[in-house]
Amino acid sequence: MKRFKEIYEEMQSTPLFDERFTILKLLKIFEEESSWCGTNYQLIRIKEYSQEITGIRSGDCQGCMVQAVKNMIRFVNKYETDNPKEETQIVQTKNLYQNRKK
């Protein structure tokens, strides 16, 4: 069983294949806009992470998938609140990227 830190780091890792966003970024987008712009594979990964954290296996219906995404959003928000150092690193990286674009 993975530790929370390992799961969080996996969610930050670079996207695979044709994916535009990391899983962590997809969760932030879903939280702000309630829209899904990821792949089916990423949705399955979120479901797997949710099961690993909660120990509860969610179903395959759309409502179950949305619930798994919402559970992961709660996990990320709680984890970032409890570990502000890592959140600061993400914000700093984001700011560096935005400054580089200018």
PDB file of N, CA and C in Angstrom:
ATOM      1  N   MET A   1       0.844  -1.182   0.000  1.00  0.00           N
ATOM      2  CA  MET A   1       0.000   0.000   0.000  1.00  0.00           C
ATOM      3  C   MET A   1       0.890   1.245   0.000  1.00  0.00           C
ATOM      4  N   LYS A   2       0.548   2.189  -0.844  1.00  0.00           N
ATOM      5  CA  LYS A   2       1.335   3.408  -0.971  1.00  0.00           C
ATOM      6  C   LYS A   2       0.987   4.401   0.130  1.00  0.00           C
ATOM      7  N   ARG A   3       1.947   5.228   0.444  1.00  0.00           N
ATOM      8  CA  ARG A   3       1.719   6.303   1.401  1.00  0.00           C
ATOM      9  C   ARG A   3       1.076   7.484   0.668  1.00  0.00           C
ATOM     10  N   PHE A   4       0.445   8.373   1.429  1.00  0.00           N
ATOM     11  CA  PHE A   4      -0.215   9.526   0.833  1.00  0.00           C
ATOM     12  C   PHE A   4       0.762  10.352   0.015  1.00  0.00           C
ATOM     13  N   LYS A   5       1.973  10.531   0.522  1.00  0.00           N
ATOM     14  CA  LYS A   5       2.974  11.331  -0.178  1.00  0.00           C
ATOM     15  C   LYS A   5       3.298  10.724  -1.544  1.00  0.00           C
ATOM     16  N   GLU A   6       3.413   9.410  -1.605  1.00  0.00           N
ATOM     17  CA  GLU A   6       3.704   8.734  -2.869  1.00  0.00           C
ATOM     18  C   GLU A   6       2.572   8.921  -3.880  1.00  0.00           C
ATOM     19  N   ILE A   7       1.343   8.817  -3.395  1.00  0.00           N
ATOM     20  CA  ILE A   7       0.186   9.004  -4.274  1.00  0.00           C
ATOM     21  C   ILE A   7       0.147  10.433  -4.786  1.00  0.00           C
ATOM     22  N   TYR A   8       0.377  11.388  -3.900  1.00  0.00           N
ATOM     23  CA  TYR A   8       0.363  12.795  -4.289  1.00  0.00           C
ATOM     24  C   TYR A   8       1.448  13.076  -5.323  1.00  0.00           C
ATOM     25  N   GLU A   9       2.634  12.518  -5.124  1.00  0.00           N
ATOM     26  CA  GLU A   9       3.731  12.715  -6.073  1.00  0.00           C
ATOM     27  C   GLU A   9       3.426  12.078  -7.425  1.00  0.00           C
ATOM     28  N   GLU A  10       2.786  10.927  -7.419  1.00  0.00           N
ATOM     29  CA  GLU A  10       2.385  10.294  -8.680  1.00  0.00           C
ATOM     30  C   GLU A  10       1.383  11.164  -9.439  1.00  0.00           C
ATOM     31  N   MET A  11       0.492  11.800  -8.699  1.00  0.00           N
ATOM     32  CA  MET A  11      -0.522  12.634  -9.333  1.00  0.00           C
ATOM     33  C   MET A  11       0.093  13.896  -9.931  1.00  0.00           C
ATOM     34  N   GLN A  12       1.263  14.309  -9.448  1.00  0.00           N
ATOM     35  CA  GLN A  12       1.961  15.477  -9.982  1.00  0.00           C
ATOM     36  C   GLN A  12       2.837  15.143 -11.177  1.00  0.00           C
ATOM     37  N   SER A  13       3.097  13.856 -11.384  1.00  0.00           N
ATOM     38  CA  SER A  13       4.046  13.459 -12.416  1.00  0.00           C
ATOM     39  C   SER A  13       3.548  13.851 -13.805  1.00  0.00           C
ATOM     40  N   THR A  14       4.460  13.893 -14.737  1.00  0.00           N
ATOM     41  CA  THR A  14       4.121  14.321 -16.090  1.00  0.00           C
ATOM     42  C   THR A  14       3.109  13.371 -16.719  1.00  0.00           C
ATOM     43  N   PRO A  15       2.247  13.908 -17.551  1.00  0.00           N
ATOM     44  CA  PRO A  15       1.242  13.081 -18.218  1.00  0.00           C
ATOM     45  C   PRO A  15       1.879  12.065 -19.171  1.00  0.00           C
ATOM     46  N   LEU A  16       1.177  10.995 -19.394  1.00  0.00           N
ATOM     47  CA  LEU A  16       1.625   9.961 -20.314  1.00  0.00           C
ATOM     48  C   LEU A  16       0.903  10.111 -21.643  1.00  0.00           C
ATOM     49  N   PHE A  17       1.418   9.484 -22.671  1.00  0.00           N
ATOM     50  CA  PHE A  17       0.770   9.390 -23.978  1.00  0.00           C
ATOM     51  C   PHE A  17       0.314  10.757 -24.491  1.00  0.00           C
ATOM     52  N   ASP A  18      -0.952  10.893 -24.838  1.00  0.00           N
ATOM     53  CA  ASP A  18      -1.482  12.138 -25.405  1.00  0.00           C
ATOM     54  C   ASP A  18      -2.174  13.008 -24.363  1.00  0.00           C
ATOM     55  N   GLU A  19      -1.886  12.783 -23.106  1.00  0.00           N
ATOM     56  CA  GLU A  19      -2.572  13.515 -22.048  1.00  0.00           C
ATOM     57  C   GLU A  19      -2.019  14.936 -21.941  1.00  0.00           C
ATOM     58  N   ARG A  20      -2.921  15.896 -21.819  1.00  0.00           N
ATOM     59  CA  ARG A  20      -2.512  17.300 -21.747  1.00  0.00           C
ATOM     60  C   ARG A  20      -2.161  17.735 -20.333  1.00  0.00           C
ATOM     61  N   PHE A  21      -2.820  17.149 -19.336  1.00  0.00           N
ATOM     62  CA  PHE A  21      -2.659  17.602 -17.965  1.00  0.00           C
ATOM     63  C   PHE A  21      -2.269  16.443 -17.049  1.00  0.00           C
ATOM     64  N   THR A  22      -1.646  16.795 -15.924  1.00  0.00           N
ATOM     65  CA  THR A  22      -1.397  15.795 -14.894  1.00  0.00           C
ATOM     66  C   THR A  22      -2.719  15.523 -14.176  1.00  0.00           C
ATOM     67  N   ILE A  23      -2.767  14.455 -13.437  1.00  0.00           N
ATOM     68  CA  ILE A  23      -3.991  14.127 -12.699  1.00  0.00           C
ATOM     69  C   ILE A  23      -4.283  15.203 -11.663  1.00  0.00           C
ATOM     70  N   LEU A  24      -3.253  15.715 -11.021  1.00  0.00           N
ATOM     71  CA  LEU A  24      -3.450  16.768 -10.032  1.00  0.00           C
ATOM     72  C   LEU A  24      -4.080  18.001 -10.680  1.00  0.00           C
ATOM     73  N   LYS A  25      -3.591  18.386 -11.850  1.00  0.00           N
ATOM     74  CA  LYS A  25      -4.140  19.544 -12.561  1.00  0.00           C
ATOM     75  C   LYS A  25      -5.592  19.282 -12.984  1.00  0.00           C
ATOM     76  N   LEU A  26      -5.876  18.060 -13.417  1.00  0.00           N
ATOM     77  CA  LEU A  26      -7.252  17.717 -13.797  1.00  0.00           C
ATOM     78  C   LEU A  26      -8.205  17.856 -12.614  1.00  0.00           C
ATOM     79  N   LEU A  27      -7.753  17.450 -11.430  1.00  0.00           N
ATOM     80  CA  LEU A  27      -8.595  17.577 -10.240  1.00  0.00           C
ATOM     81  C   LEU A  27      -8.861  19.048  -9.926  1.00  0.00           C
ATOM     82  N   LYS A  28      -7.852  19.885 -10.076  1.00  0.00           N
ATOM     83  CA  LYS A  28      -8.023  21.325  -9.834  1.00  0.00           C
ATOM     84  C   LYS A  28      -8.999  21.922 -10.861  1.00  0.00           C
ATOM     85  N   ILE A  29      -8.866  21.518 -12.102  1.00  0.00           N
ATOM     86  CA  ILE A  29      -9.774  22.010 -13.146  1.00  0.00           C
ATOM     87  C   ILE A  29     -11.209  21.576 -12.835  1.00  0.00           C
ATOM     88  N   PHE A  30     -11.382  20.313 -12.467  1.00  0.00           N
ATOM     89  CA  PHE A  30     -12.727  19.810 -12.163  1.00  0.00           C
ATOM     90  C   PHE A  30     -13.327  20.546 -10.973  1.00  0.00           C
ATOM     91  N   GLU A  31     -12.499  20.821  -9.973  1.00  0.00           N
ATOM     92  CA  GLU A  31     -12.981  21.528  -8.783  1.00  0.00           C
ATOM     93  C   GLU A  31     -13.458  22.944  -9.140  1.00  0.00           C
ATOM     94  N   GLU A  32     -12.722  23.627 -10.007  1.00  0.00           N
ATOM     95  CA  GLU A  32     -13.057  25.006 -10.360  1.00  0.00           C
ATOM     96  C   GLU A  32     -14.171  25.105 -11.398  1.00  0.00           C
ATOM     97  N   GLU A  33     -14.166  24.202 -12.385  1.00  0.00           N
ATOM     98  CA  GLU A  33     -15.070  24.353 -13.518  1.00  0.00           C
ATOM     99  C   GLU A  33     -16.104  23.248 -13.664  1.00  0.00           C
ATOM    100  N   SER A  34     -15.988  22.191 -12.899  1.00  0.00           N
ATOM    101  CA  SER A  34     -16.874  21.030 -12.993  1.00  0.00           C
ATOM    102  C   SER A  34     -16.917  20.451 -14.407  1.00  0.00           C
ATOM    103  N   SER A  35     -15.772  20.473 -15.066  1.00  0.00           N
ATOM    104  CA  SER A  35     -15.701  19.869 -16.397  1.00  0.00           C
ATOM    105  C   SER A  35     -14.513  18.916 -16.447  1.00  0.00           C
ATOM    106  N   TRP A  36     -14.655  17.874 -17.241  1.00  0.00           N
ATOM    107  CA  TRP A  36     -13.608  16.863 -17.369  1.00  0.00           C
ATOM    108  C   TRP A  36     -12.919  17.033 -18.716  1.00  0.00           C
ATOM    109  N   CYS A  37     -11.611  17.223 -18.709  1.00  0.00           N
ATOM    110  CA  CYS A  37     -10.865  17.379 -19.953  1.00  0.00           C
ATOM    111  C   CYS A  37      -9.707  16.382 -20.022  1.00  0.00           C
ATOM    112  N   GLY A  38      -9.810  15.331 -19.227  1.00  0.00           N
ATOM    113  CA  GLY A  38      -8.786  14.294 -19.227  1.00  0.00           C
ATOM    114  C   GLY A  38      -9.184  13.096 -20.065  1.00  0.00           C
ATOM    115  N   THR A  39      -8.358  12.069 -19.991  1.00  0.00           N
ATOM    116  CA  THR A  39      -8.616  10.846 -20.740  1.00  0.00           C
ATOM    117  C   THR A  39      -9.323   9.820 -19.857  1.00  0.00           C
ATOM    118  N   ASN A  40      -9.837   8.786 -20.489  1.00  0.00           N
ATOM    119  CA  ASN A  40     -10.464   7.701 -19.728  1.00  0.00           C
ATOM    120  C   ASN A  40      -9.448   7.019 -18.818  1.00  0.00           C
ATOM    121  N   TYR A  41      -8.217   6.877 -19.310  1.00  0.00           N
ATOM    122  CA  TYR A  41      -7.165   6.258 -18.506  1.00  0.00           C
ATOM    123  C   TYR A  41      -6.911   7.057 -17.233  1.00  0.00           C
ATOM    124  N   GLN A  42      -6.910   8.382 -17.332  1.00  0.00           N
ATOM    125  CA  GLN A  42      -6.700   9.212 -16.150  1.00  0.00           C
ATOM    126  C   GLN A  42      -7.859   9.068 -15.168  1.00  0.00           C
ATOM    127  N   LEU A  43      -9.055   8.926 -15.680  1.00  0.00           N
ATOM    128  CA  LEU A  43     -10.215   8.722 -14.814  1.00  0.00           C
ATOM    129  C   LEU A  43     -10.107   7.396 -14.072  1.00  0.00           C
ATOM    130  N   ILE A  44      -9.629   6.384 -14.754  1.00  0.00           N
ATOM    131  CA  ILE A  44      -9.422   5.085 -14.107  1.00  0.00           C
ATOM    132  C   ILE A  44      -8.339   5.197 -13.040  1.00  0.00           C
ATOM    133  N   ARG A  45      -7.276   5.955 -13.330  1.00  0.00           N
ATOM    134  CA  ARG A  45      -6.209   6.151 -12.338  1.00  0.00           C
ATOM    135  C   ARG A  45      -6.748   6.846 -11.093  1.00  0.00           C
ATOM    136  N   ILE A  46      -7.597   7.844 -11.275  1.00  0.00           N
ATOM    137  CA  ILE A  46      -8.193   8.546 -10.134  1.00  0.00           C
ATOM    138  C   ILE A  46      -9.024   7.581  -9.310  1.00  0.00           C
ATOM    139  N   LYS A  47      -9.774   6.741  -9.989  1.00  0.00           N
ATOM    140  CA  LYS A  47     -10.584   5.730  -9.294  1.00  0.00           C
ATOM    141  C   LYS A  47      -9.684   4.790  -8.488  1.00  0.00           C
ATOM    142  N   GLU A  48      -8.548   4.390  -9.068  1.00  0.00           N
ATOM    143  CA  GLU A  48      -7.607   3.518  -8.366  1.00  0.00           C
ATOM    144  C   GLU A  48      -7.012   4.215  -7.147  1.00  0.00           C
ATOM    145  N   TYR A  49      -6.628   5.485  -7.304  1.00  0.00           N
ATOM    146  CA  TYR A  49      -6.085   6.235  -6.174  1.00  0.00           C
ATOM    147  C   TYR A  49      -7.119   6.360  -5.060  1.00  0.00           C
ATOM    148  N   SER A  50      -8.353   6.638  -5.439  1.00  0.00           N
ATOM    149  CA  SER A  50      -9.431   6.763  -4.454  1.00  0.00           C
ATOM    150  C   SER A  50      -9.610   5.462  -3.680  1.00  0.00           C
ATOM    151  N   GLN A  51      -9.562   4.349  -4.400  1.00  0.00           N
ATOM    152  CA  GLN A  51      -9.692   3.053  -3.743  1.00  0.00           C
ATOM    153  C   GLN A  51      -8.512   2.796  -2.805  1.00  0.00           C
ATOM    154  N   GLU A  52      -7.329   3.183  -3.234  1.00  0.00           N
ATOM    155  CA  GLU A  52      -6.138   2.956  -2.416  1.00  0.00           C
ATOM    156  C   GLU A  52      -6.183   3.775  -1.132  1.00  0.00           C
ATOM    157  N   ILE A  53      -6.719   4.982  -1.206  1.00  0.00           N
ATOM    158  CA  ILE A  53      -6.776   5.851  -0.031  1.00  0.00           C
ATOM    159  C   ILE A  53      -7.912   5.456   0.898  1.00  0.00           C
ATOM    160  N   THR A  54      -9.095   5.237   0.347  1.00  0.00           N
ATOM    161  CA  THR A  54     -10.267   4.972   1.186  1.00  0.00           C
ATOM    162  C   THR A  54     -10.454   3.496   1.518  1.00  0.00           C
ATOM    163  N   GLY A  55      -9.937   2.625   0.666  1.00  0.00           N
ATOM    164  CA  GLY A  55     -10.157   1.199   0.857  1.00  0.00           C
ATOM    165  C   GLY A  55     -11.500   0.744   0.324  1.00  0.00           C
ATOM    166  N   ILE A  56     -12.240   1.663  -0.289  1.00  0.00           N
ATOM    167  CA  ILE A  56     -13.566   1.359  -0.822  1.00  0.00           C
ATOM    168  C   ILE A  56     -13.493   1.335  -2.337  1.00  0.00           C
ATOM    169  N   ARG A  57     -13.943   0.255  -2.922  1.00  0.00           N
ATOM    170  CA  ARG A  57     -13.932   0.133  -4.382  1.00  0.00           C
ATOM    171  C   ARG A  57     -15.199   0.761  -4.938  1.00  0.00           C
ATOM    172  N   SER A  58     -15.030   1.754  -5.791  1.00  0.00           N
ATOM    173  CA  SER A  58     -16.206   2.416  -6.358  1.00  0.00           C
ATOM    174  C   SER A  58     -16.657   1.681  -7.611  1.00  0.00           C
ATOM    175  N   GLY A  59     -17.887   1.910  -7.972  1.00  0.00           N
ATOM    176  CA  GLY A  59     -18.458   1.253  -9.140  1.00  0.00           C
ATOM    177  C   GLY A  59     -17.995   1.882 -10.436  1.00  0.00           C
ATOM    178  N   ASP A  60     -18.558   1.414 -11.535  1.00  0.00           N
ATOM    179  CA  ASP A  60     -18.166   1.893 -12.857  1.00  0.00           C
ATOM    180  C   ASP A  60     -19.167   2.858 -13.478  1.00  0.00           C
ATOM    181  N   CYS A  61     -20.228   3.180 -12.774  1.00  0.00           N
ATOM    182  CA  CYS A  61     -21.221   4.105 -13.329  1.00  0.00           C
ATOM    183  C   CYS A  61     -20.677   5.538 -13.293  1.00  0.00           C
ATOM    184  N   GLN A  62     -21.312   6.426 -14.016  1.00  0.00           N
ATOM    185  CA  GLN A  62     -20.850   7.812 -14.088  1.00  0.00           C
ATOM    186  C   GLN A  62     -20.874   8.494 -12.730  1.00  0.00           C
ATOM    187  N   GLY A  63     -21.918   8.229 -11.974  1.00  0.00           N
ATOM    188  CA  GLY A  63     -22.020   8.819 -10.637  1.00  0.00           C
ATOM    189  C   GLY A  63     -20.900   8.358  -9.722  1.00  0.00           C
ATOM    190  N   CYS A  64     -20.536   7.097  -9.837  1.00  0.00           N
ATOM    191  CA  CYS A  64     -19.438   6.553  -9.022  1.00  0.00           C
ATOM    192  C   CYS A  64     -18.113   7.184  -9.411  1.00  0.00           C
ATOM    193  N   MET A  65     -17.918   7.408 -10.698  1.00  0.00           N
ATOM    194  CA  MET A  65     -16.688   8.050 -11.166  1.00  0.00           C
ATOM    195  C   MET A  65     -16.606   9.495 -10.668  1.00  0.00           C
ATOM    196  N   VAL A  66     -17.720  10.209 -10.736  1.00  0.00           N
ATOM    197  CA  VAL A  66     -17.746  11.586 -10.243  1.00  0.00           C
ATOM    198  C   VAL A  66     -17.460  11.602  -8.746  1.00  0.00           C
ATOM    199  N   GLN A  67     -18.020  10.647  -8.025  1.00  0.00           N
ATOM    200  CA  GLN A  67     -17.777  10.571  -6.583  1.00  0.00           C
ATOM    201  C   GLN A  67     -16.301  10.299  -6.296  1.00  0.00           C
ATOM    202  N   ALA A  68     -15.660   9.445  -7.075  1.00  0.00           N
ATOM    203  CA  ALA A  68     -14.232   9.156  -6.903  1.00  0.00           C
ATOM    204  C   ALA A  68     -13.409  10.424  -7.152  1.00  0.00           C
ATOM    205  N   VAL A  69     -13.771  11.190  -8.164  1.00  0.00           N
ATOM    206  CA  VAL A  69     -13.067  12.443  -8.452  1.00  0.00           C
ATOM    207  C   VAL A  69     -13.236  13.412  -7.287  1.00  0.00           C
ATOM    208  N   LYS A  70     -14.447  13.536  -6.777  1.00  0.00           N
ATOM    209  CA  LYS A  70     -14.698  14.435  -5.644  1.00  0.00           C
ATOM    210  C   LYS A  70     -13.938  13.986  -4.404  1.00  0.00           C
ATOM    211  N   ASN A  71     -13.852  12.675  -4.176  1.00  0.00           N
ATOM    212  CA  ASN A  71     -13.076  12.163  -3.046  1.00  0.00           C
ATOM    213  C   ASN A  71     -11.609  12.537  -3.187  1.00  0.00           C
ATOM    214  N   MET A  72     -11.089  12.430  -4.406  1.00  0.00           N
ATOM    215  CA  MET A  72      -9.684  12.766  -4.632  1.00  0.00           C
ATOM    216  C   MET A  72      -9.440  14.262  -4.487  1.00  0.00           C
ATOM    217  N   ILE A  73     -10.406  15.082  -4.846  1.00  0.00           N
ATOM    218  CA  ILE A  73     -10.279  16.530  -4.644  1.00  0.00           C
ATOM    219  C   ILE A  73     -10.183  16.822  -3.150  1.00  0.00           C
ATOM    220  N   ARG A  74     -11.021  16.169  -2.361  1.00  0.00           N
ATOM    221  CA  ARG A  74     -10.956  16.353  -0.904  1.00  0.00           C
ATOM    222  C   ARG A  74      -9.611  15.897  -0.362  1.00  0.00           C
ATOM    223  N   PHE A  75      -9.104  14.763  -0.875  1.00  0.00           N
ATOM    224  CA  PHE A  75      -7.801  14.261  -0.432  1.00  0.00           C
ATOM    225  C   PHE A  75      -6.704  15.272  -0.758  1.00  0.00           C
ATOM    226  N   VAL A  76      -6.695  15.787  -1.976  1.00  0.00           N
ATOM    227  CA  VAL A  76      -5.658  16.738  -2.388  1.00  0.00           C
ATOM    228  C   VAL A  76      -5.731  18.002  -1.534  1.00  0.00           C
ATOM    229  N   ASN A  77      -6.927  18.533  -1.331  1.00  0.00           N
ATOM    230  CA  ASN A  77      -7.074  19.749  -0.530  1.00  0.00           C
ATOM    231  C   ASN A  77      -6.591  19.527   0.899  1.00  0.00           C
ATOM    232  N   LYS A  78      -6.949  18.393   1.476  1.00  0.00           N
ATOM    233  CA  LYS A  78      -6.506  18.083   2.843  1.00  0.00           C
ATOM    234  C   LYS A  78      -4.998  17.881   2.886  1.00  0.00           C
ATOM    235  N   TYR A  79      -4.465  17.155   1.913  1.00  0.00           N
ATOM    236  CA  TYR A  79      -3.033  16.889   1.890  1.00  0.00           C
ATOM    237  C   TYR A  79      -2.240  18.186   1.739  1.00  0.00           C
ATOM    238  N   GLU A  80      -2.689  19.081   0.867  1.00  0.00           N
ATOM    239  CA  GLU A  80      -1.991  20.347   0.673  1.00  0.00           C
ATOM    240  C   GLU A  80      -2.109  21.249   1.898  1.00  0.00           C
ATOM    241  N   THR A  81      -3.224  21.173   2.612  1.00  0.00           N
ATOM    242  CA  THR A  81      -3.379  21.933   3.853  1.00  0.00           C
ATOM    243  C   THR A  81      -2.435  21.406   4.925  1.00  0.00           C
ATOM    244  N   ASP A  82      -2.326  20.095   5.026  1.00  0.00           N
ATOM    245  CA  ASP A  82      -1.461  19.478   6.036  1.00  0.00           C
ATOM    246  C   ASP A  82       0.019  19.567   5.686  1.00  0.00           C
ATOM    247  N   ASN A  83       0.344  19.757   4.412  1.00  0.00           N
ATOM    248  CA  ASN A  83       1.733  19.807   3.945  1.00  0.00           C
ATOM    249  C   ASN A  83       1.949  21.066   3.108  1.00  0.00           C
ATOM    250  N   PRO A  84       1.960  22.226   3.739  1.00  0.00           N
ATOM    251  CA  PRO A  84       2.042  23.472   2.963  1.00  0.00           C
ATOM    252  C   PRO A  84       3.347  23.630   2.193  1.00  0.00           C
ATOM    253  N   LYS A  85       4.406  22.983   2.606  1.00  0.00           N
ATOM    254  CA  LYS A  85       5.688  23.092   1.912  1.00  0.00           C
ATOM    255  C   LYS A  85       5.550  22.632   0.465  1.00  0.00           C
ATOM    256  N   GLU A  86       4.909  21.504   0.254  1.00  0.00           N
ATOM    257  CA  GLU A  86       4.748  20.967  -1.091  1.00  0.00           C
ATOM    258  C   GLU A  86       3.839  21.853  -1.931  1.00  0.00           C
ATOM    259  N   GLU A  87       2.815  22.407  -1.324  1.00  0.00           N
ATOM    260  CA  GLU A  87       1.919  23.290  -2.060  1.00  0.00           C
ATOM    261  C   GLU A  87       2.677  24.527  -2.505  1.00  0.00           C
ATOM    262  N   THR A  88       3.543  25.050  -1.643  1.00  0.00           N
ATOM    263  CA  THR A  88       4.349  26.216  -1.986  1.00  0.00           C
ATOM    264  C   THR A  88       5.238  25.913  -3.183  1.00  0.00           C
ATOM    265  N   GLN A  89       5.800  24.722  -3.228  1.00  0.00           N
ATOM    266  CA  GLN A  89       6.648  24.343  -4.355  1.00  0.00           C
ATOM    267  C   GLN A  89       5.847  24.337  -5.654  1.00  0.00           C
ATOM    268  N   ILE A  90       4.621  23.862  -5.608  1.00  0.00           N
ATOM    269  CA  ILE A  90       3.772  23.824  -6.800  1.00  0.00           C
ATOM    270  C   ILE A  90       3.468  25.245  -7.265  1.00  0.00           C
ATOM    271  N   VAL A  91       3.136  26.127  -6.333  1.00  0.00           N
ATOM    272  CA  VAL A  91       2.827  27.514  -6.682  1.00  0.00           C
ATOM    273  C   VAL A  91       4.062  28.188  -7.256  1.00  0.00           C
ATOM    274  N   GLN A  92       5.236  27.943  -6.657  1.00  0.00           N
ATOM    275  CA  GLN A  92       6.467  28.540  -7.165  1.00  0.00           C
ATOM    276  C   GLN A  92       6.762  28.041  -8.572  1.00  0.00           C
ATOM    277  N   THR A  93       6.574  26.755  -8.811  1.00  0.00           N
ATOM    278  CA  THR A  93       6.797  26.196 -10.138  1.00  0.00           C
ATOM    279  C   THR A  93       5.830  26.814 -11.143  1.00  0.00           C
ATOM    280  N   LYS A  94       4.582  26.971 -10.739  1.00  0.00           N
ATOM    281  CA  LYS A  94       3.576  27.570 -11.608  1.00  0.00           C
ATOM    282  C   LYS A  94       3.964  29.006 -11.942  1.00  0.00           C
ATOM    283  N   ASN A  95       4.421  29.772 -10.934  1.00  0.00           N
ATOM    284  CA  ASN A  95       4.817  31.157 -11.162  1.00  0.00           C
ATOM    285  C   ASN A  95       6.029  31.240 -12.088  1.00  0.00           C
ATOM    286  N   LEU A  96       6.983  30.341 -11.909  1.00  0.00           N
ATOM    287  CA  LEU A  96       8.143  30.316 -12.791  1.00  0.00           C
ATOM    288  C   LEU A  96       7.721  30.057 -14.232  1.00  0.00           C
ATOM    289  N   TYR A  97       6.805  29.126 -14.394  1.00  0.00           N
ATOM    290  CA  TYR A  97       6.323  28.792 -15.738  1.00  0.00           C
ATOM    291  C   TYR A  97       5.602  29.981 -16.377  1.00  0.00           C
ATOM    292  N   GLN A  98       4.777  30.651 -15.582  1.00  0.00           N
ATOM    293  CA  GLN A  98       4.042  31.796 -16.104  1.00  0.00           C
ATOM    294  C   GLN A  98       4.994  32.942 -16.450  1.00  0.00           C
ATOM    295  N   ASN A  99       6.017  33.167 -15.633  1.00  0.00           N
ATOM    296  CA  ASN A  99       6.985  34.220 -15.913  1.00  0.00           C
ATOM    297  C   ASN A  99       7.805  33.893 -17.153  1.00  0.00           C
ATOM    298  N   ARG A 100       8.086  32.615 -17.381  1.00  0.00           N
ATOM    299  CA  ARG A 100       8.850  32.199 -18.550  1.00  0.00           C
ATOM    300  C   ARG A 100       8.056  32.443 -19.836  1.00  0.00           C
ATOM    301  N   LYS A 101       6.710  32.336 -19.751  1.00  0.00           N
ATOM    302  CA  LYS A 101       5.864  32.541 -20.916  1.00  0.00           C
ATOM    303  C   LYS A 101       5.866  33.998 -21.376  1.00  0.00           C
ATOM    304  N   LYS A 102       6.088  34.922 -20.448  1.00  0.00           N
ATOM    305  CA  LYS A 102       5.996  36.360 -20.757  1.00  0.00           C
ATOM    306  C   LYS A 102       7.115  36.830 -21.632  1.00  0.00           C
TER     307      LYS A 102
END
